[in-house]
Amino acid sequence: MLVPPRRPLGVRLLHASRPLCDRVGPPHPISNMRPIIYDDDPPASTTRAFHPYSLHEFDPEPASPYKLQWKLQRQQLDEFHHAFWLESNTRFERGKQEALSRLPSTASVLDKERALSEFYQQWVVQEDRRTGEYTDEWRQRNKSSLLLAARVAYQKYTARFSDMVMFKKST
């Protein structure tokens, strides 16, 4: 007998706000990278006139420095990633076209395949150092971004936990 999995009862205590989700766009035609729109904070309510109480009377909680730094670091990492692959794929396509343009117009399909095979081999050897440097830099940036994400999550957790404790003390 199949039984649907049960959700823990305490989950909603820690996650009372609406879930956030990032949106991913279509791939860029050259870099093939998909842009990401991060859904960091819930948008400000635009239904101000319809609510019986002022939702904007008090300033929202200030964003933590870790949260802001993490947001900027994610965007910089995405830009770094996109710029590398845009430039790399542009050079690759240019090189591929040059390799094909060296062939006579009467070249057979087999000749084109051989020329492309040689080009691919040269490309891999030529780009090995550059790709390795990119990979090392990307990993380093990604690690620091993950560390900031962990700090933000821990800060968020401790804030929720302290709010629950304060609520229980006041009741």
N, C-alpha and C. Protein backbone atom coordinates (compact mmCIF):
# COMPACT_ATOMS: atom_id res chain seq x y z
N MET A 1 0.84 -1.16 0.00
CA MET A 1 0.00 0.00 0.00
C MET A 1 0.90 1.24 0.00
N LEU A 2 0.61 2.18 -0.89
CA LEU A 2 1.37 3.41 -0.97
C LEU A 2 0.75 4.47 -0.08
N VAL A 3 1.57 5.06 0.73
CA VAL A 3 1.11 6.11 1.64
C VAL A 3 1.88 7.38 1.31
N PRO A 4 1.19 8.49 1.13
CA PRO A 4 1.92 9.72 0.84
C PRO A 4 2.80 10.11 2.03
N PRO A 5 3.98 10.67 1.75
CA PRO A 5 4.87 11.04 2.85
C PRO A 5 4.25 12.15 3.69
N ARG A 6 4.47 12.06 4.99
CA ARG A 6 3.94 13.07 5.91
C ARG A 6 4.95 14.18 6.06
N ARG A 7 4.46 15.39 6.12
CA ARG A 7 5.33 16.54 6.35
C ARG A 7 5.44 16.76 7.85
N PRO A 8 6.62 17.06 8.32
CA PRO A 8 6.76 17.33 9.75
C PRO A 8 5.92 18.54 10.15
N LEU A 9 5.34 18.47 11.33
CA LEU A 9 4.47 19.55 11.79
C LEU A 9 5.25 20.83 12.08
N GLY A 10 6.50 20.70 12.50
CA GLY A 10 7.28 21.88 12.87
C GLY A 10 7.82 22.68 11.71
N VAL A 11 7.67 22.20 10.51
CA VAL A 11 8.24 22.89 9.36
C VAL A 11 7.63 24.27 9.19
N ARG A 12 6.34 24.40 9.34
CA ARG A 12 5.69 25.70 9.14
C ARG A 12 6.07 26.70 10.23
N LEU A 13 6.49 26.22 11.38
CA LEU A 13 6.90 27.15 12.42
C LEU A 13 8.11 27.97 11.99
N LEU A 14 9.01 27.35 11.27
CA LEU A 14 10.22 28.05 10.85
C LEU A 14 10.07 28.72 9.50
N HIS A 15 9.08 28.34 8.73
CA HIS A 15 8.92 28.89 7.38
C HIS A 15 7.51 29.44 7.22
N ALA A 16 7.23 30.55 7.85
CA ALA A 16 5.89 31.13 7.79
C ALA A 16 5.71 32.04 6.59
N SER A 17 6.79 32.49 5.98
CA SER A 17 6.68 33.39 4.83
C SER A 17 6.53 32.58 3.55
N ARG A 18 6.15 33.28 2.50
CA ARG A 18 5.97 32.59 1.22
C ARG A 18 7.32 32.08 0.72
N PRO A 19 7.34 30.94 0.07
CA PRO A 19 8.62 30.43 -0.44
C PRO A 19 9.12 31.32 -1.59
N LEU A 20 10.40 31.49 -1.64
CA LEU A 20 11.01 32.27 -2.70
C LEU A 20 11.50 31.33 -3.79
N CYS A 21 11.48 31.78 -5.01
CA CYS A 21 11.99 30.95 -6.09
C CYS A 21 12.69 31.82 -7.12
N ASP A 22 13.81 31.33 -7.60
CA ASP A 22 14.57 32.02 -8.63
C ASP A 22 13.98 31.67 -9.98
N ARG A 23 14.04 32.64 -10.89
CA ARG A 23 13.54 32.41 -12.24
C ARG A 23 14.73 32.29 -13.19
N VAL A 24 14.63 31.34 -14.11
CA VAL A 24 15.71 31.08 -15.06
C VAL A 24 15.19 31.38 -16.46
N GLY A 25 15.95 32.19 -17.19
CA GLY A 25 15.55 32.59 -18.54
C GLY A 25 16.08 31.65 -19.60
N PRO A 26 15.74 31.94 -20.85
CA PRO A 26 16.23 31.10 -21.95
C PRO A 26 17.73 31.29 -22.15
N PRO A 27 18.40 30.31 -22.72
CA PRO A 27 19.86 30.42 -22.88
C PRO A 27 20.25 31.53 -23.85
N HIS A 28 21.38 32.16 -23.56
CA HIS A 28 21.95 33.17 -24.44
C HIS A 28 22.38 32.47 -25.73
N PRO A 29 22.17 33.08 -26.90
CA PRO A 29 22.48 32.39 -28.15
C PRO A 29 23.96 32.06 -28.35
N ILE A 30 24.86 32.82 -27.76
CA ILE A 30 26.29 32.56 -27.97
C ILE A 30 26.91 31.87 -26.77
N SER A 31 26.69 32.40 -25.57
CA SER A 31 27.34 31.82 -24.39
C SER A 31 26.63 30.55 -23.91
N ASN A 32 25.38 30.38 -24.29
CA ASN A 32 24.54 29.25 -23.86
C ASN A 32 24.26 29.26 -22.36
N MET A 33 24.54 30.37 -21.68
CA MET A 33 24.26 30.49 -20.26
C MET A 33 22.83 31.00 -20.08
N ARG A 34 22.15 30.46 -19.11
CA ARG A 34 20.77 30.87 -18.83
C ARG A 34 20.80 31.93 -17.73
N PRO A 35 20.25 33.11 -18.00
CA PRO A 35 20.25 34.15 -16.97
C PRO A 35 19.32 33.77 -15.82
N ILE A 36 19.71 34.19 -14.62
CA ILE A 36 18.92 33.88 -13.42
C ILE A 36 18.48 35.19 -12.79
N ILE A 37 17.19 35.27 -12.48
CA ILE A 37 16.66 36.40 -11.73
C ILE A 37 16.40 35.87 -10.33
N TYR A 38 17.19 36.35 -9.38
CA TYR A 38 17.10 35.85 -8.02
C TYR A 38 15.93 36.49 -7.30
N ASP A 39 15.16 35.68 -6.60
CA ASP A 39 14.02 36.15 -5.82
C ASP A 39 14.45 36.20 -4.37
N ASP A 40 15.24 37.22 -4.04
CA ASP A 40 15.80 37.31 -2.70
C ASP A 40 14.79 37.73 -1.65
N ASP A 41 14.09 38.79 -1.92
CA ASP A 41 13.17 39.32 -0.93
C ASP A 41 11.77 39.39 -1.54
N PRO A 42 10.75 39.21 -0.72
CA PRO A 42 9.41 39.37 -1.24
C PRO A 42 9.22 40.81 -1.71
N PRO A 43 8.53 41.02 -2.82
CA PRO A 43 8.33 42.38 -3.29
C PRO A 43 7.45 43.17 -2.34
N ALA A 44 7.66 44.47 -2.35
CA ALA A 44 6.84 45.34 -1.50
C ALA A 44 5.40 45.26 -1.97
N SER A 45 4.48 45.28 -1.03
CA SER A 45 3.08 45.17 -1.37
C SER A 45 2.63 46.39 -2.16
N THR A 46 1.91 46.16 -3.25
CA THR A 46 1.39 47.26 -4.05
C THR A 46 -0.09 47.48 -3.78
N THR A 47 -0.67 46.71 -2.86
CA THR A 47 -2.09 46.84 -2.56
C THR A 47 -2.30 47.71 -1.33
N ARG A 48 -1.55 48.76 -1.24
CA ARG A 48 -1.59 49.64 -0.08
C ARG A 48 -2.98 50.24 0.14
N ALA A 49 -3.64 50.66 -0.92
CA ALA A 49 -4.93 51.32 -0.79
C ALA A 49 -6.03 50.36 -0.35
N PHE A 50 -5.87 49.08 -0.59
CA PHE A 50 -6.91 48.12 -0.28
C PHE A 50 -6.78 47.50 1.10
N HIS A 51 -5.69 47.76 1.78
CA HIS A 51 -5.49 47.17 3.10
C HIS A 51 -6.00 48.13 4.17
N PRO A 52 -6.71 47.63 5.19
CA PRO A 52 -7.27 48.54 6.20
C PRO A 52 -6.21 49.16 7.11
N TYR A 53 -5.03 48.58 7.16
CA TYR A 53 -3.96 49.11 8.01
C TYR A 53 -2.78 49.49 7.14
N SER A 54 -1.96 50.38 7.64
CA SER A 54 -0.79 50.81 6.90
C SER A 54 0.29 49.74 7.00
N LEU A 55 0.62 49.13 5.88
CA LEU A 55 1.66 48.12 5.86
C LEU A 55 3.04 48.74 5.77
N HIS A 56 3.10 50.01 5.42
CA HIS A 56 4.38 50.68 5.21
C HIS A 56 4.66 51.73 6.28
N GLU A 57 3.99 51.61 7.43
CA GLU A 57 4.17 52.60 8.48
C GLU A 57 5.57 52.55 9.08
N PHE A 58 6.10 51.36 9.20
CA PHE A 58 7.42 51.20 9.79
C PHE A 58 8.39 50.73 8.72
N ASP A 59 9.64 51.11 8.90
CA ASP A 59 10.66 50.69 7.96
C ASP A 59 10.86 49.18 8.08
N PRO A 60 11.11 48.52 6.97
CA PRO A 60 11.39 47.08 7.07
C PRO A 60 12.72 46.86 7.78
N GLU A 61 12.91 45.63 8.21
CA GLU A 61 14.17 45.30 8.87
C GLU A 61 15.32 45.57 7.91
N PRO A 62 16.40 46.12 8.41
CA PRO A 62 17.54 46.35 7.51
C PRO A 62 18.11 45.03 7.03
N ALA A 63 18.51 45.00 5.78
CA ALA A 63 19.11 43.79 5.22
C ALA A 63 20.46 43.55 5.88
N SER A 64 20.76 42.31 6.14
CA SER A 64 22.04 42.01 6.77
C SER A 64 23.16 42.26 5.76
N PRO A 65 24.33 42.64 6.25
CA PRO A 65 25.45 42.86 5.32
C PRO A 65 25.83 41.58 4.57
N TYR A 66 25.67 40.43 5.23
CA TYR A 66 25.97 39.17 4.56
C TYR A 66 25.01 38.94 3.39
N LYS A 67 23.74 39.25 3.61
CA LYS A 67 22.74 39.01 2.57
C LYS A 67 23.01 39.88 1.35
N LEU A 68 23.32 41.14 1.58
CA LEU A 68 23.63 42.04 0.47
C LEU A 68 24.90 41.61 -0.25
N GLN A 69 25.91 41.24 0.52
CA GLN A 69 27.17 40.80 -0.07
C GLN A 69 26.96 39.52 -0.88
N TRP A 70 26.15 38.61 -0.38
CA TRP A 70 25.87 37.36 -1.09
C TRP A 70 25.15 37.63 -2.40
N LYS A 71 24.17 38.53 -2.35
CA LYS A 71 23.43 38.88 -3.57
C LYS A 71 24.37 39.45 -4.63
N LEU A 72 25.23 40.38 -4.23
CA LEU A 72 26.17 40.97 -5.17
C LEU A 72 27.17 39.93 -5.69
N GLN A 73 27.61 39.06 -4.81
CA GLN A 73 28.59 38.05 -5.21
C GLN A 73 27.99 37.04 -6.20
N ARG A 74 26.74 36.68 -6.00
CA ARG A 74 26.08 35.77 -6.96
C ARG A 74 25.97 36.42 -8.33
N GLN A 75 25.59 37.70 -8.34
CA GLN A 75 25.46 38.40 -9.62
C GLN A 75 26.82 38.53 -10.30
N GLN A 76 27.86 38.83 -9.54
CA GLN A 76 29.20 38.93 -10.13
C GLN A 76 29.67 37.58 -10.66
N LEU A 77 29.36 36.52 -9.94
CA LEU A 77 29.75 35.18 -10.40
C LEU A 77 29.03 34.83 -11.70
N ASP A 78 27.75 35.15 -11.78
CA ASP A 78 27.01 34.90 -13.01
C ASP A 78 27.57 35.71 -14.18
N GLU A 79 27.91 36.98 -13.92
CA GLU A 79 28.49 37.82 -14.98
C GLU A 79 29.85 37.29 -15.42
N PHE A 80 30.67 36.86 -14.47
CA PHE A 80 31.98 36.29 -14.77
C PHE A 80 31.83 35.04 -15.65
N HIS A 81 30.91 34.18 -15.25
CA HIS A 81 30.64 32.93 -15.97
C HIS A 81 30.16 33.23 -17.39
N HIS A 82 29.21 34.14 -17.51
CA HIS A 82 28.66 34.49 -18.82
C HIS A 82 29.73 35.11 -19.72
N ALA A 83 30.52 36.04 -19.17
CA ALA A 83 31.56 36.73 -19.97
C ALA A 83 32.59 35.74 -20.49
N PHE A 84 33.01 34.80 -19.65
CA PHE A 84 34.00 33.81 -20.09
C PHE A 84 33.46 32.99 -21.26
N TRP A 85 32.26 32.44 -21.11
CA TRP A 85 31.74 31.56 -22.15
C TRP A 85 31.31 32.33 -23.39
N LEU A 86 30.89 33.56 -23.25
CA LEU A 86 30.57 34.38 -24.42
C LEU A 86 31.82 34.59 -25.26
N GLU A 87 32.90 34.99 -24.60
CA GLU A 87 34.16 35.24 -25.31
C GLU A 87 34.74 33.94 -25.88
N SER A 88 34.70 32.88 -25.10
CA SER A 88 35.25 31.60 -25.54
C SER A 88 34.48 31.04 -26.74
N ASN A 89 33.16 31.05 -26.65
CA ASN A 89 32.35 30.52 -27.75
C ASN A 89 32.45 31.38 -29.01
N THR A 90 32.60 32.69 -28.84
CA THR A 90 32.78 33.58 -30.00
C THR A 90 34.09 33.24 -30.71
N ARG A 91 35.16 33.09 -29.94
CA ARG A 91 36.45 32.74 -30.55
C ARG A 91 36.41 31.35 -31.18
N PHE A 92 35.71 30.42 -30.52
CA PHE A 92 35.59 29.07 -31.06
C PHE A 92 34.90 29.08 -32.42
N GLU A 93 33.77 29.76 -32.50
CA GLU A 93 33.03 29.81 -33.76
C GLU A 93 33.84 30.50 -34.86
N ARG A 94 34.55 31.56 -34.49
CA ARG A 94 35.41 32.25 -35.46
C ARG A 94 36.50 31.31 -35.97
N GLY A 95 37.15 30.59 -35.07
CA GLY A 95 38.19 29.63 -35.45
C GLY A 95 37.64 28.50 -36.30
N LYS A 96 36.46 28.03 -35.97
CA LYS A 96 35.84 26.95 -36.74
C LYS A 96 35.54 27.42 -38.17
N GLN A 97 35.02 28.64 -38.29
CA GLN A 97 34.74 29.18 -39.63
C GLN A 97 36.02 29.37 -40.43
N GLU A 98 37.10 29.80 -39.76
CA GLU A 98 38.38 29.96 -40.45
C GLU A 98 38.90 28.60 -40.94
N ALA A 99 38.76 27.57 -40.11
CA ALA A 99 39.21 26.23 -40.51
C ALA A 99 38.43 25.74 -41.73
N LEU A 100 37.14 26.01 -41.75
CA LEU A 100 36.33 25.59 -42.89
C LEU A 100 36.59 26.45 -44.13
N SER A 101 36.92 27.72 -43.92
CA SER A 101 37.15 28.61 -45.08
C SER A 101 38.45 28.28 -45.80
N ARG A 102 39.39 27.62 -45.14
CA ARG A 102 40.65 27.23 -45.77
C ARG A 102 40.46 26.08 -46.77
N LEU A 103 39.36 25.39 -46.65
CA LEU A 103 39.10 24.27 -47.56
C LEU A 103 38.60 24.79 -48.91
N PRO A 104 38.91 24.08 -49.97
CA PRO A 104 38.37 24.48 -51.27
C PRO A 104 36.86 24.25 -51.31
N SER A 105 36.18 24.96 -52.17
CA SER A 105 34.72 24.84 -52.25
C SER A 105 34.29 23.45 -52.71
N THR A 106 35.19 22.72 -53.32
CA THR A 106 34.86 21.36 -53.79
C THR A 106 35.17 20.28 -52.74
N ALA A 107 35.50 20.70 -51.52
CA ALA A 107 35.87 19.73 -50.48
C ALA A 107 34.69 18.83 -50.15
N SER A 108 35.00 17.58 -49.91
CA SER A 108 33.94 16.61 -49.57
C SER A 108 33.58 16.74 -48.09
N VAL A 109 32.53 16.07 -47.73
CA VAL A 109 32.09 16.07 -46.33
C VAL A 109 33.17 15.47 -45.45
N LEU A 110 33.84 14.44 -45.95
CA LEU A 110 34.91 13.80 -45.19
C LEU A 110 36.07 14.77 -44.96
N ASP A 111 36.41 15.58 -45.98
CA ASP A 111 37.47 16.59 -45.82
C ASP A 111 37.09 17.61 -44.75
N LYS A 112 35.83 18.02 -44.75
CA LYS A 112 35.35 18.99 -43.75
C LYS A 112 35.43 18.38 -42.35
N GLU A 113 35.04 17.13 -42.23
CA GLU A 113 35.10 16.46 -40.93
C GLU A 113 36.53 16.35 -40.42
N ARG A 114 37.47 16.04 -41.32
CA ARG A 114 38.88 15.96 -40.93
C ARG A 114 39.40 17.33 -40.49
N ALA A 115 39.06 18.37 -41.25
CA ALA A 115 39.51 19.72 -40.90
C ALA A 115 38.95 20.14 -39.55
N LEU A 116 37.68 19.83 -39.31
CA LEU A 116 37.08 20.17 -38.02
C LEU A 116 37.69 19.34 -36.89
N SER A 117 38.00 18.09 -37.17
CA SER A 117 38.64 17.24 -36.16
C SER A 117 39.99 17.81 -35.75
N GLU A 118 40.78 18.23 -36.73
CA GLU A 118 42.07 18.86 -36.43
C GLU A 118 41.88 20.15 -35.64
N PHE A 119 40.90 20.94 -36.06
CA PHE A 119 40.63 22.20 -35.35
C PHE A 119 40.24 21.92 -33.90
N TYR A 120 39.37 20.96 -33.67
CA TYR A 120 38.94 20.63 -32.31
C TYR A 120 40.12 20.20 -31.45
N GLN A 121 41.00 19.38 -32.00
CA GLN A 121 42.18 18.94 -31.25
C GLN A 121 43.06 20.13 -30.88
N GLN A 122 43.30 21.01 -31.84
CA GLN A 122 44.12 22.20 -31.57
C GLN A 122 43.44 23.11 -30.55
N TRP A 123 42.13 23.22 -30.65
CA TRP A 123 41.38 24.10 -29.75
C TRP A 123 41.49 23.62 -28.30
N VAL A 124 41.35 22.33 -28.10
CA VAL A 124 41.42 21.78 -26.75
C VAL A 124 42.80 22.02 -26.14
N VAL A 125 43.85 21.79 -26.91
CA VAL A 125 45.22 22.01 -26.43
C VAL A 125 45.45 23.50 -26.17
N GLN A 126 45.01 24.33 -27.10
CA GLN A 126 45.22 25.78 -26.99
C GLN A 126 44.48 26.37 -25.79
N GLU A 127 43.29 25.87 -25.50
CA GLU A 127 42.45 26.46 -24.45
C GLU A 127 42.61 25.79 -23.09
N ASP A 128 43.45 24.78 -22.99
CA ASP A 128 43.58 24.02 -21.74
C ASP A 128 43.97 24.92 -20.57
N ARG A 129 45.00 25.72 -20.74
CA ARG A 129 45.48 26.58 -19.65
C ARG A 129 44.42 27.63 -19.28
N ARG A 130 43.85 28.24 -20.29
CA ARG A 130 42.85 29.30 -20.06
C ARG A 130 41.62 28.73 -19.35
N THR A 131 41.15 27.58 -19.79
CA THR A 131 39.99 26.95 -19.17
C THR A 131 40.30 26.51 -17.74
N GLY A 132 41.51 26.02 -17.52
CA GLY A 132 41.91 25.64 -16.16
C GLY A 132 41.95 26.83 -15.22
N GLU A 133 42.48 27.96 -15.70
CA GLU A 133 42.50 29.18 -14.87
C GLU A 133 41.08 29.65 -14.57
N TYR A 134 40.22 29.60 -15.58
CA TYR A 134 38.82 29.98 -15.37
C TYR A 134 38.17 29.07 -14.33
N THR A 135 38.38 27.77 -14.47
CA THR A 135 37.77 26.81 -13.56
C THR A 135 38.24 27.04 -12.13
N ASP A 136 39.54 27.29 -11.94
CA ASP A 136 40.06 27.56 -10.59
C ASP A 136 39.43 28.82 -10.01
N GLU A 137 39.36 29.87 -10.81
CA GLU A 137 38.76 31.13 -10.34
C GLU A 137 37.28 30.94 -10.03
N TRP A 138 36.57 30.22 -10.89
CA TRP A 138 35.14 29.99 -10.68
C TRP A 138 34.91 29.20 -9.39
N ARG A 139 35.72 28.17 -9.17
CA ARG A 139 35.58 27.37 -7.95
C ARG A 139 35.83 28.20 -6.70
N GLN A 140 36.85 29.04 -6.76
CA GLN A 140 37.17 29.89 -5.61
C GLN A 140 36.01 30.85 -5.31
N ARG A 141 35.49 31.48 -6.36
CA ARG A 141 34.36 32.40 -6.17
C ARG A 141 33.12 31.66 -5.70
N ASN A 142 32.89 30.47 -6.21
CA ASN A 142 31.72 29.69 -5.83
C ASN A 142 31.81 29.26 -4.36
N LYS A 143 33.00 28.89 -3.92
CA LYS A 143 33.18 28.51 -2.51
C LYS A 143 32.86 29.69 -1.59
N SER A 144 33.36 30.87 -1.94
CA SER A 144 33.08 32.02 -1.07
C SER A 144 31.60 32.39 -1.11
N SER A 145 30.96 32.17 -2.25
CA SER A 145 29.52 32.42 -2.34
C SER A 145 28.74 31.43 -1.48
N LEU A 146 29.16 30.18 -1.49
CA LEU A 146 28.51 29.17 -0.65
C LEU A 146 28.70 29.47 0.84
N LEU A 147 29.88 29.97 1.19
CA LEU A 147 30.12 30.33 2.58
C LEU A 147 29.20 31.47 3.01
N LEU A 148 29.05 32.47 2.15
CA LEU A 148 28.13 33.57 2.46
C LEU A 148 26.69 33.07 2.54
N ALA A 149 26.32 32.16 1.65
CA ALA A 149 24.96 31.60 1.68
C ALA A 149 24.71 30.89 3.01
N ALA A 150 25.71 30.16 3.48
CA ALA A 150 25.57 29.47 4.77
C ALA A 150 25.43 30.48 5.91
N ARG A 151 26.20 31.56 5.84
CA ARG A 151 26.09 32.59 6.88
C ARG A 151 24.71 33.23 6.87
N VAL A 152 24.19 33.52 5.68
CA VAL A 152 22.86 34.12 5.57
C VAL A 152 21.81 33.16 6.11
N ALA A 153 21.91 31.89 5.75
CA ALA A 153 20.94 30.90 6.23
C ALA A 153 21.01 30.75 7.74
N TYR A 154 22.22 30.73 8.29
CA TYR A 154 22.38 30.61 9.75
C TYR A 154 21.81 31.84 10.45
N GLN A 155 22.09 33.01 9.90
CA GLN A 155 21.57 34.25 10.48
C GLN A 155 20.04 34.26 10.44
N LYS A 156 19.48 33.80 9.34
CA LYS A 156 18.03 33.76 9.19
C LYS A 156 17.43 32.77 10.19
N TYR A 157 18.08 31.62 10.34
CA TYR A 157 17.61 30.60 11.28
C TYR A 157 17.64 31.12 12.71
N THR A 158 18.76 31.71 13.10
CA THR A 158 18.86 32.21 14.48
C THR A 158 17.87 33.33 14.74
N ALA A 159 17.60 34.16 13.73
CA ALA A 159 16.62 35.23 13.91
C ALA A 159 15.22 34.64 14.10
N ARG A 160 14.88 33.63 13.33
CA ARG A 160 13.56 32.99 13.48
C ARG A 160 13.45 32.28 14.83
N PHE A 161 14.52 31.61 15.21
CA PHE A 161 14.51 30.89 16.47
C PHE A 161 14.36 31.86 17.64
N SER A 162 15.10 32.97 17.60
CA SER A 162 15.00 33.95 18.69
C SER A 162 13.62 34.60 18.70
N ASP A 163 13.02 34.80 17.52
CA ASP A 163 11.66 35.35 17.46
C ASP A 163 10.67 34.38 18.10
N MET A 164 10.84 33.07 17.86
CA MET A 164 9.94 32.08 18.46
C MET A 164 10.10 32.06 19.97
N VAL A 165 11.34 32.16 20.45
CA VAL A 165 11.59 32.15 21.89
C VAL A 165 10.99 33.39 22.53
N MET A 166 11.16 34.54 21.89
CA MET A 166 10.60 35.79 22.42
C MET A 166 9.07 35.73 22.43
N PHE A 167 8.48 35.12 21.41
CA PHE A 167 7.03 35.00 21.34
C PHE A 167 6.52 34.12 22.47
N LYS A 168 7.22 33.01 22.73
CA LYS A 168 6.80 32.10 23.81
C LYS A 168 6.93 32.77 25.17
N LYS A 169 7.96 33.60 25.34
CA LYS A 169 8.15 34.29 26.62
C LYS A 169 7.06 35.33 26.85
N SER A 170 6.60 35.96 25.78
CA SER A 170 5.59 37.02 25.93
C SER A 170 4.19 36.46 26.14
N THR A 171 3.98 35.17 25.83
CA THR A 171 2.63 34.61 26.00
C THR A 171 2.48 33.91 27.31
